[in-house]
ModelCIF file with pLDDT and N, C-alpha, C, O atoms, coordinates in Angstrom:
data_MODEL
#
_entry.id   MODEL 
#
_entity.id                         1 
_entity.type                       polymer 
_entity.pdbx_number_of_molecules   1 
#
_entity_poly.entity_id                      1 
_entity_poly.type                           'polypeptide(L)' 
_entity_poly.nstd_linkage                   no 
_entity_poly.nstd_monomer                   no 
_entity_poly.pdbx_seq_one_letter_code       
;(UNK)(UNK)(UNK)(UNK)(UNK)(UNK)(UNK)(UNK)(UNK)(UNK)(UNK)(UNK)(UNK)(UNK)(UNK)(UNK)
(UNK)(UNK)(UNK)(UNK)(UNK)(UNK)(UNK)(UNK)(UNK)(UNK)(UNK)(UNK)(UNK)(UNK)(UNK)(UNK)
(UNK)(UNK)(UNK)(UNK)(UNK)(UNK)
;
_entity_poly.pdbx_seq_one_letter_code_can   XXXXXXXXXXXXXXXXXXXXXXXXXXXXXXXXXXXXXX 
_entity_poly.pdbx_strand_id                 A 
#
loop_
_entity_poly_seq.entity_id 
_entity_poly_seq.num 
_entity_poly_seq.mon_id 
_entity_poly_seq.hetero 
1 1  UNK n 
1 2  UNK n 
1 3  UNK n 
1 4  UNK n 
1 5  UNK n 
1 6  UNK n 
1 7  UNK n 
1 8  UNK n 
1 9  UNK n 
1 10 UNK n 
1 11 UNK n 
1 12 UNK n 
1 13 UNK n 
1 14 UNK n 
1 15 UNK n 
1 16 UNK n 
1 17 UNK n 
1 18 UNK n 
1 19 UNK n 
1 20 UNK n 
1 21 UNK n 
1 22 UNK n 
1 23 UNK n 
1 24 UNK n 
1 25 UNK n 
1 26 UNK n 
1 27 UNK n 
1 28 UNK n 
1 29 UNK n 
1 30 UNK n 
1 31 UNK n 
1 32 UNK n 
1 33 UNK n 
1 34 UNK n 
1 35 UNK n 
1 36 UNK n 
1 37 UNK n 
1 38 UNK n 
#
_struct_asym.id          A 
_struct_asym.entity_id   1 
#
loop_
_ma_qa_metric.id 
_ma_qa_metric.mode 
_ma_qa_metric.name 
_ma_qa_metric.software_group_id 
_ma_qa_metric.type 
1 global pLDDT . pLDDT 
2 local  pLDDT . pLDDT 
#
_ma_qa_metric_global.metric_id      1 
_ma_qa_metric_global.metric_value   96.55 
_ma_qa_metric_global.model_id       1 
_ma_qa_metric_global.ordinal_id     1 
#
loop_
_ma_qa_metric_local.label_asym_id 
_ma_qa_metric_local.label_comp_id 
_ma_qa_metric_local.label_seq_id 
_ma_qa_metric_local.metric_id 
_ma_qa_metric_local.metric_value 
_ma_qa_metric_local.model_id 
_ma_qa_metric_local.ordinal_id 
A UNK 1  2 98.00 1 1  
A UNK 2  2 97.00 1 2  
A UNK 3  2 96.00 1 3  
A UNK 4  2 97.00 1 4  
A UNK 5  2 98.00 1 5  
A UNK 6  2 98.00 1 6  
A UNK 7  2 98.00 1 7  
A UNK 8  2 95.00 1 8  
A UNK 9  2 91.00 1 9  
A UNK 10 2 93.00 1 10 
A UNK 11 2 96.00 1 11 
A UNK 12 2 97.00 1 12 
A UNK 13 2 98.00 1 13 
A UNK 14 2 98.00 1 14 
A UNK 15 2 98.00 1 15 
A UNK 16 2 98.00 1 16 
A UNK 17 2 98.00 1 17 
A UNK 18 2 97.00 1 18 
A UNK 19 2 97.00 1 19 
A UNK 20 2 98.00 1 20 
A UNK 21 2 98.00 1 21 
A UNK 22 2 97.00 1 22 
A UNK 23 2 97.00 1 23 
A UNK 24 2 98.00 1 24 
A UNK 25 2 97.00 1 25 
A UNK 26 2 97.00 1 26 
A UNK 27 2 97.00 1 27 
A UNK 28 2 97.00 1 28 
A UNK 29 2 97.00 1 29 
A UNK 30 2 97.00 1 30 
A UNK 31 2 97.00 1 31 
A UNK 32 2 96.00 1 32 
A UNK 33 2 96.00 1 33 
A UNK 34 2 96.00 1 34 
A UNK 35 2 96.00 1 35 
A UNK 36 2 95.00 1 36 
A UNK 37 2 94.00 1 37 
A UNK 38 2 91.00 1 38 
#
loop_
_atom_site.group_PDB 
_atom_site.id 
_atom_site.type_symbol 
_atom_site.label_atom_id 
_atom_site.label_alt_id 
_atom_site.label_comp_id 
_atom_site.label_asym_id 
_atom_site.label_entity_id 
_atom_site.label_seq_id 
_atom_site.pdbx_PDB_ins_code 
_atom_site.Cartn_x 
_atom_site.Cartn_y 
_atom_site.Cartn_z 
_atom_site.occupancy 
_atom_site.B_iso_or_equiv 
_atom_site.pdbx_formal_charge 
_atom_site.auth_seq_id 
_atom_site.auth_comp_id 
_atom_site.auth_asym_id 
_atom_site.auth_atom_id 
_atom_site.pdbx_PDB_model_num 
ATOM 1   N N  . UNK A 1 1  ? -13.265 -12.764 -6.546  1.00 98.00 ? 1  UNK A N  1 
ATOM 2   C CA . UNK A 1 1  ? -11.984 -12.986 -5.862  1.00 98.00 ? 1  UNK A CA 1 
ATOM 3   C C  . UNK A 1 1  ? -10.818 -12.647 -6.779  1.00 98.00 ? 1  UNK A C  1 
ATOM 4   O O  . UNK A 1 1  ? -10.784 -13.066 -7.936  1.00 98.00 ? 1  UNK A O  1 
ATOM 5   N N  . UNK A 1 2  ? -9.866  -11.890 -6.256  1.00 97.00 ? 2  UNK A N  1 
ATOM 6   C CA . UNK A 1 2  ? -8.662  -11.566 -7.007  1.00 97.00 ? 2  UNK A CA 1 
ATOM 7   C C  . UNK A 1 2  ? -7.565  -12.583 -6.772  1.00 97.00 ? 2  UNK A C  1 
ATOM 8   O O  . UNK A 1 2  ? -7.722  -13.514 -5.981  1.00 97.00 ? 2  UNK A O  1 
ATOM 9   N N  . UNK A 1 3  ? -6.448  -12.398 -7.470  1.00 96.00 ? 3  UNK A N  1 
ATOM 10  C CA . UNK A 1 3  ? -5.329  -13.323 -7.316  1.00 96.00 ? 3  UNK A CA 1 
ATOM 11  C C  . UNK A 1 3  ? -4.257  -12.778 -6.384  1.00 96.00 ? 3  UNK A C  1 
ATOM 12  O O  . UNK A 1 3  ? -3.207  -13.396 -6.202  1.00 96.00 ? 3  UNK A O  1 
ATOM 13  N N  . UNK A 1 4  ? -4.530  -11.610 -5.792  1.00 97.00 ? 4  UNK A N  1 
ATOM 14  C CA . UNK A 1 4  ? -3.551  -10.971 -4.913  1.00 97.00 ? 4  UNK A CA 1 
ATOM 15  C C  . UNK A 1 4  ? -4.279  -9.921  -4.083  1.00 97.00 ? 4  UNK A C  1 
ATOM 16  O O  . UNK A 1 4  ? -5.301  -9.386  -4.512  1.00 97.00 ? 4  UNK A O  1 
ATOM 17  N N  . UNK A 1 5  ? -3.760  -9.629  -2.907  1.00 98.00 ? 5  UNK A N  1 
ATOM 18  C CA . UNK A 1 5  ? -4.349  -8.598  -2.065  1.00 98.00 ? 5  UNK A CA 1 
ATOM 19  C C  . UNK A 1 5  ? -3.805  -7.226  -2.439  1.00 98.00 ? 5  UNK A C  1 
ATOM 20  O O  . UNK A 1 5  ? -2.667  -7.100  -2.892  1.00 98.00 ? 5  UNK A O  1 
ATOM 21  N N  . UNK A 1 6  ? -4.628  -6.201  -2.244  1.00 98.00 ? 6  UNK A N  1 
ATOM 22  C CA . UNK A 1 6  ? -4.206  -4.829  -2.472  1.00 98.00 ? 6  UNK A CA 1 
ATOM 23  C C  . UNK A 1 6  ? -4.577  -4.337  -3.857  1.00 98.00 ? 6  UNK A C  1 
ATOM 24  O O  . UNK A 1 6  ? -5.508  -4.842  -4.485  1.00 98.00 ? 6  UNK A O  1 
ATOM 25  N N  . UNK A 1 7  ? -3.830  -3.335  -4.325  1.00 98.00 ? 7  UNK A N  1 
ATOM 26  C CA . UNK A 1 7  ? -4.081  -2.726  -5.626  1.00 98.00 ? 7  UNK A CA 1 
ATOM 27  C C  . UNK A 1 7  ? -3.407  -3.522  -6.738  1.00 98.00 ? 7  UNK A C  1 
ATOM 28  O O  . UNK A 1 7  ? -2.494  -4.310  -6.493  1.00 98.00 ? 7  UNK A O  1 
ATOM 29  N N  . UNK A 1 8  ? -3.875  -3.300  -7.962  1.00 95.00 ? 8  UNK A N  1 
ATOM 30  C CA . UNK A 1 8  ? -3.171  -3.852  -9.110  1.00 95.00 ? 8  UNK A CA 1 
ATOM 31  C C  . UNK A 1 8  ? -2.324  -2.752  -9.736  1.00 95.00 ? 8  UNK A C  1 
ATOM 32  O O  . UNK A 1 8  ? -2.198  -1.666  -9.170  1.00 95.00 ? 8  UNK A O  1 
ATOM 33  N N  . UNK A 1 9  ? -1.754  -3.019  -10.878 1.00 91.00 ? 9  UNK A N  1 
ATOM 34  C CA . UNK A 1 9  ? -1.004  -1.994  -11.591 1.00 91.00 ? 9  UNK A CA 1 
ATOM 35  C C  . UNK A 1 9  ? 0.304   -1.587  -10.947 1.00 91.00 ? 9  UNK A C  1 
ATOM 36  O O  . UNK A 1 9  ? 0.746   -0.450  -11.114 1.00 91.00 ? 9  UNK A O  1 
ATOM 37  N N  . UNK A 1 10 ? 0.936   -2.503  -10.206 1.00 93.00 ? 10 UNK A N  1 
ATOM 38  C CA . UNK A 1 10 ? 2.231   -2.201  -9.613  1.00 93.00 ? 10 UNK A CA 1 
ATOM 39  C C  . UNK A 1 10 ? 2.181   -1.327  -8.373  1.00 93.00 ? 10 UNK A C  1 
ATOM 40  O O  . UNK A 1 10 ? 3.216   -0.852  -7.906  1.00 93.00 ? 10 UNK A O  1 
ATOM 41  N N  . UNK A 1 11 ? 0.989   -1.111  -7.837  1.00 96.00 ? 11 UNK A N  1 
ATOM 42  C CA . UNK A 1 11 ? 0.867   -0.317  -6.610  1.00 96.00 ? 11 UNK A CA 1 
ATOM 43  C C  . UNK A 1 11 ? 0.879   -1.235  -5.388  1.00 96.00 ? 11 UNK A C  1 
ATOM 44  O O  . UNK A 1 11 ? 1.108   -2.438  -5.519  1.00 96.00 ? 11 UNK A O  1 
ATOM 45  N N  . UNK A 1 12 ? 0.638   -0.680  -4.213  1.00 97.00 ? 12 UNK A N  1 
ATOM 46  C CA . UNK A 1 12 ? 0.771   -1.430  -2.964  1.00 97.00 ? 12 UNK A CA 1 
ATOM 47  C C  . UNK A 1 12 ? -0.068  -2.708  -2.997  1.00 97.00 ? 12 UNK A C  1 
ATOM 48  O O  . UNK A 1 12 ? -1.273  -2.659  -3.244  1.00 97.00 ? 12 UNK A O  1 
ATOM 49  N N  . UNK A 1 13 ? 0.568   -3.838  -2.749  1.00 98.00 ? 13 UNK A N  1 
ATOM 50  C CA . UNK A 1 13 ? -0.112  -5.127  -2.774  1.00 98.00 ? 13 UNK A CA 1 
ATOM 51  C C  . UNK A 1 13 ? 0.709   -6.120  -1.962  1.00 98.00 ? 13 UNK A C  1 
ATOM 52  O O  . UNK A 1 13 ? 1.767   -5.777  -1.435  1.00 98.00 ? 13 UNK A O  1 
ATOM 53  N N  . UNK A 1 14 ? 0.216   -7.351  -1.865  1.00 98.00 ? 14 UNK A N  1 
ATOM 54  C CA . UNK A 1 14 ? 0.940   -8.366  -1.121  1.00 98.00 ? 14 UNK A CA 1 
ATOM 55  C C  . UNK A 1 14 ? 0.288   -9.721  -1.262  1.00 98.00 ? 14 UNK A C  1 
ATOM 56  O O  . UNK A 1 14 ? -0.863  -9.834  -1.686  1.00 98.00 ? 14 UNK A O  1 
ATOM 57  N N  . UNK A 1 15 ? 1.033   -10.747 -0.902  1.00 98.00 ? 15 UNK A N  1 
ATOM 58  C CA . UNK A 1 15 ? 0.508   -12.110 -0.963  1.00 98.00 ? 15 UNK A CA 1 
ATOM 59  C C  . UNK A 1 15 ? -0.461  -12.384 0.171   1.00 98.00 ? 15 UNK A C  1 
ATOM 60  O O  . UNK A 1 15 ? -1.257  -13.320 0.092   1.00 98.00 ? 15 UNK A O  1 
ATOM 61  N N  . UNK A 1 16 ? -0.407  -11.575 1.233   1.00 98.00 ? 16 UNK A N  1 
ATOM 62  C CA . UNK A 1 16 ? -1.342  -11.691 2.353   1.00 98.00 ? 16 UNK A CA 1 
ATOM 63  C C  . UNK A 1 16 ? -1.992  -10.338 2.575   1.00 98.00 ? 16 UNK A C  1 
ATOM 64  O O  . UNK A 1 16 ? -1.478  -9.310  2.133   1.00 98.00 ? 16 UNK A O  1 
ATOM 65  N N  . UNK A 1 17 ? -3.137  -10.345 3.268   1.00 98.00 ? 17 UNK A N  1 
ATOM 66  C CA . UNK A 1 17 ? -3.817  -9.091  3.548   1.00 98.00 ? 17 UNK A CA 1 
ATOM 67  C C  . UNK A 1 17 ? -2.985  -8.237  4.494   1.00 98.00 ? 17 UNK A C  1 
ATOM 68  O O  . UNK A 1 17 ? -2.947  -7.015  4.351   1.00 98.00 ? 17 UNK A O  1 
ATOM 69  N N  . UNK A 1 18 ? -2.316  -8.866  5.463   1.00 97.00 ? 18 UNK A N  1 
ATOM 70  C CA . UNK A 1 18 ? -1.458  -8.088  6.359   1.00 97.00 ? 18 UNK A CA 1 
ATOM 71  C C  . UNK A 1 18 ? -0.367  -7.372  5.561   1.00 97.00 ? 18 UNK A C  1 
ATOM 72  O O  . UNK A 1 18 ? -0.120  -6.185  5.774   1.00 97.00 ? 18 UNK A O  1 
ATOM 73  N N  . UNK A 1 19 ? 0.284   -8.089  4.642   1.00 97.00 ? 19 UNK A N  1 
ATOM 74  C CA . UNK A 1 19 ? 1.353   -7.481  3.851   1.00 97.00 ? 19 UNK A CA 1 
ATOM 75  C C  . UNK A 1 19 ? 0.819   -6.352  2.973   1.00 97.00 ? 19 UNK A C  1 
ATOM 76  O O  . UNK A 1 19 ? 1.446   -5.297  2.872   1.00 97.00 ? 19 UNK A O  1 
ATOM 77  N N  . UNK A 1 20 ? -0.338  -6.567  2.335   1.00 98.00 ? 20 UNK A N  1 
ATOM 78  C CA . UNK A 1 20 ? -0.899  -5.542  1.453   1.00 98.00 ? 20 UNK A CA 1 
ATOM 79  C C  . UNK A 1 20 ? -1.335  -4.318  2.248   1.00 98.00 ? 20 UNK A C  1 
ATOM 80  O O  . UNK A 1 20 ? -1.062  -3.186  1.850   1.00 98.00 ? 20 UNK A O  1 
ATOM 81  N N  . UNK A 1 21 ? -2.014  -4.546  3.375   1.00 98.00 ? 21 UNK A N  1 
ATOM 82  C CA . UNK A 1 21 ? -2.496  -3.424  4.175   1.00 98.00 ? 21 UNK A CA 1 
ATOM 83  C C  . UNK A 1 21 ? -1.327  -2.611  4.721   1.00 98.00 ? 21 UNK A C  1 
ATOM 84  O O  . UNK A 1 21 ? -1.381  -1.381  4.738   1.00 98.00 ? 21 UNK A O  1 
ATOM 85  N N  . UNK A 1 22 ? -0.278  -3.285  5.164   1.00 97.00 ? 22 UNK A N  1 
ATOM 86  C CA . UNK A 1 22 ? 0.911   -2.582  5.646   1.00 97.00 ? 22 UNK A CA 1 
ATOM 87  C C  . UNK A 1 22 ? 1.557   -1.781  4.522   1.00 97.00 ? 22 UNK A C  1 
ATOM 88  O O  . UNK A 1 22 ? 2.010   -0.657  4.742   1.00 97.00 ? 22 UNK A O  1 
ATOM 89  N N  . UNK A 1 23 ? 1.602   -2.354  3.311   1.00 97.00 ? 23 UNK A N  1 
ATOM 90  C CA . UNK A 1 23 ? 2.163   -1.635  2.169   1.00 97.00 ? 23 UNK A CA 1 
ATOM 91  C C  . UNK A 1 23 ? 1.327   -0.403  1.825   1.00 97.00 ? 23 UNK A C  1 
ATOM 92  O O  . UNK A 1 23 ? 1.870   0.634   1.441   1.00 97.00 ? 23 UNK A O  1 
ATOM 93  N N  . UNK A 1 24 ? 0.017   -0.518  1.962   1.00 98.00 ? 24 UNK A N  1 
ATOM 94  C CA . UNK A 1 24 ? -0.860  0.627   1.707   1.00 98.00 ? 24 UNK A CA 1 
ATOM 95  C C  . UNK A 1 24 ? -0.595  1.753   2.698   1.00 98.00 ? 24 UNK A C  1 
ATOM 96  O O  . UNK A 1 24 ? -0.530  2.921   2.318   1.00 98.00 ? 24 UNK A O  1 
ATOM 97  N N  . UNK A 1 25 ? -0.442  1.398   3.965   1.00 97.00 ? 25 UNK A N  1 
ATOM 98  C CA . UNK A 1 25 ? -0.129  2.405   4.980   1.00 97.00 ? 25 UNK A CA 1 
ATOM 99  C C  . UNK A 1 25 ? 1.246   3.023   4.745   1.00 97.00 ? 25 UNK A C  1 
ATOM 100 O O  . UNK A 1 25 ? 1.419   4.235   4.876   1.00 97.00 ? 25 UNK A O  1 
ATOM 101 N N  . UNK A 1 26 ? 2.222   2.185   4.397   1.00 97.00 ? 26 UNK A N  1 
ATOM 102 C CA . UNK A 1 26 ? 3.571   2.701   4.145   1.00 97.00 ? 26 UNK A CA 1 
ATOM 103 C C  . UNK A 1 26 ? 3.578   3.684   2.975   1.00 97.00 ? 26 UNK A C  1 
ATOM 104 O O  . UNK A 1 26 ? 4.301   4.680   2.998   1.00 97.00 ? 26 UNK A O  1 
ATOM 105 N N  . UNK A 1 27 ? 2.759   3.395   1.939   1.00 97.00 ? 27 UNK A N  1 
ATOM 106 C CA . UNK A 1 27 ? 2.682   4.311   0.800   1.00 97.00 ? 27 UNK A CA 1 
ATOM 107 C C  . UNK A 1 27 ? 2.111   5.665   1.233   1.00 97.00 ? 27 UNK A C  1 
ATOM 108 O O  . UNK A 1 27 ? 2.576   6.710   0.780   1.00 97.00 ? 27 UNK A O  1 
ATOM 109 N N  . UNK A 1 28 ? 1.109   5.642   2.107   1.00 97.00 ? 28 UNK A N  1 
ATOM 110 C CA . UNK A 1 28 ? 0.541   6.901   2.596   1.00 97.00 ? 28 UNK A CA 1 
ATOM 111 C C  . UNK A 1 28 ? 1.532   7.658   3.470   1.00 97.00 ? 28 UNK A C  1 
ATOM 112 O O  . UNK A 1 28 ? 1.603   8.886   3.412   1.00 97.00 ? 28 UNK A O  1 
ATOM 113 N N  . UNK A 1 29 ? 2.286   6.941   4.267   1.00 97.00 ? 29 UNK A N  1 
ATOM 114 C CA . UNK A 1 29 ? 3.305   7.598   5.091   1.00 97.00 ? 29 UNK A CA 1 
ATOM 115 C C  . UNK A 1 29 ? 4.369   8.252   4.204   1.00 97.00 ? 29 UNK A C  1 
ATOM 116 O O  . UNK A 1 29 ? 4.833   9.355   4.490   1.00 97.00 ? 29 UNK A O  1 
ATOM 117 N N  . UNK A 1 30 ? 4.747   7.565   3.133   1.00 97.00 ? 30 UNK A N  1 
ATOM 118 C CA . UNK A 1 30 ? 5.717   8.149   2.201   1.00 97.00 ? 30 UNK A CA 1 
ATOM 119 C C  . UNK A 1 30 ? 5.125   9.371   1.505   1.00 97.00 ? 30 UNK A C  1 
ATOM 120 O O  . UNK A 1 30 ? 5.822   10.363  1.294   1.00 97.00 ? 30 UNK A O  1 
ATOM 121 N N  . UNK A 1 31 ? 3.846   9.305   1.148   1.00 97.00 ? 31 UNK A N  1 
ATOM 122 C CA . UNK A 1 31 ? 3.171   10.459  0.552   1.00 97.00 ? 31 UNK A CA 1 
ATOM 123 C C  . UNK A 1 31 ? 3.152   11.635  1.529   1.00 97.00 ? 31 UNK A C  1 
ATOM 124 O O  . UNK A 1 31 ? 3.385   12.778  1.135   1.00 97.00 ? 31 UNK A O  1 
ATOM 125 N N  . UNK A 1 32 ? 2.874   11.351  2.800   1.00 96.00 ? 32 UNK A N  1 
ATOM 126 C CA . UNK A 1 32 ? 2.842   12.415  3.807   1.00 96.00 ? 32 UNK A CA 1 
ATOM 127 C C  . UNK A 1 32 ? 4.194   13.102  3.903   1.00 96.00 ? 32 UNK A C  1 
ATOM 128 O O  . UNK A 1 32 ? 4.265   14.324  4.036   1.00 96.00 ? 32 UNK A O  1 
ATOM 129 N N  . UNK A 1 33 ? 5.270   12.322  3.835   1.00 96.00 ? 33 UNK A N  1 
ATOM 130 C CA . UNK A 1 33 ? 6.613   12.909  3.872   1.00 96.00 ? 33 UNK A CA 1 
ATOM 131 C C  . UNK A 1 33 ? 6.862   13.753  2.621   1.00 96.00 ? 33 UNK A C  1 
ATOM 132 O O  . UNK A 1 33 ? 7.425   14.844  2.707   1.00 96.00 ? 33 UNK A O  1 
ATOM 133 N N  . UNK A 1 34 ? 6.444   13.250  1.465   1.00 96.00 ? 34 UNK A N  1 
ATOM 134 C CA . UNK A 1 34 ? 6.661   13.983  0.214   1.00 96.00 ? 34 UNK A CA 1 
ATOM 135 C C  . UNK A 1 34 ? 5.922   15.326  0.206   1.00 96.00 ? 34 UNK A C  1 
ATOM 136 O O  . UNK A 1 34 ? 6.437   16.326  -0.295  1.00 96.00 ? 34 UNK A O  1 
ATOM 137 N N  . UNK A 1 35 ? 4.707   15.333  0.766   1.00 96.00 ? 35 UNK A N  1 
ATOM 138 C CA . UNK A 1 35 ? 3.860   16.529  0.732   1.00 96.00 ? 35 UNK A CA 1 
ATOM 139 C C  . UNK A 1 35 ? 3.959   17.344  2.025   1.00 96.00 ? 35 UNK A C  1 
ATOM 140 O O  . UNK A 1 35 ? 3.243   18.330  2.200   1.00 96.00 ? 35 UNK A O  1 
ATOM 141 N N  . UNK A 1 36 ? 4.848   16.926  2.924   1.00 95.00 ? 36 UNK A N  1 
ATOM 142 C CA . UNK A 1 36 ? 5.070   17.654  4.181   1.00 95.00 ? 36 UNK A CA 1 
ATOM 143 C C  . UNK A 1 36 ? 3.779   17.788  4.990   1.00 95.00 ? 36 UNK A C  1 
ATOM 144 O O  . UNK A 1 36 ? 3.443   18.871  5.471   1.00 95.00 ? 36 UNK A O  1 
ATOM 145 N N  . UNK A 1 37 ? 3.063   16.670  5.131   1.00 94.00 ? 37 UNK A N  1 
ATOM 146 C CA . UNK A 1 37 ? 1.824   16.647  5.894   1.00 94.00 ? 37 UNK A CA 1 
ATOM 147 C C  . UNK A 1 37 ? 2.118   16.204  7.325   1.00 94.00 ? 37 UNK A C  1 
ATOM 148 O O  . UNK A 1 37 ? 2.743   15.168  7.549   1.00 94.00 ? 37 UNK A O  1 
ATOM 149 N N  . UNK A 1 38 ? 1.667   16.988  8.276   1.00 91.00 ? 38 UNK A N  1 
ATOM 150 C CA . UNK A 1 38 ? 1.847   16.640  9.679   1.00 91.00 ? 38 UNK A CA 1 
ATOM 151 C C  . UNK A 1 38 ? 0.786   15.639  10.108  1.00 91.00 ? 38 UNK A C  1 
ATOM 152 O O  . UNK A 1 38 ? 0.766   15.217  11.264  1.00 91.00 ? 38 UNK A O  1 
#
């Protein structure tokens, strides 16, 4: 068991699984915009 949901090292995470999972999706959406992925 970890002490937080999501990734460590300052990447997408959250105090709840909903918050962490949403942050993970938001990071991918931002990546898609950066790389111009449809």
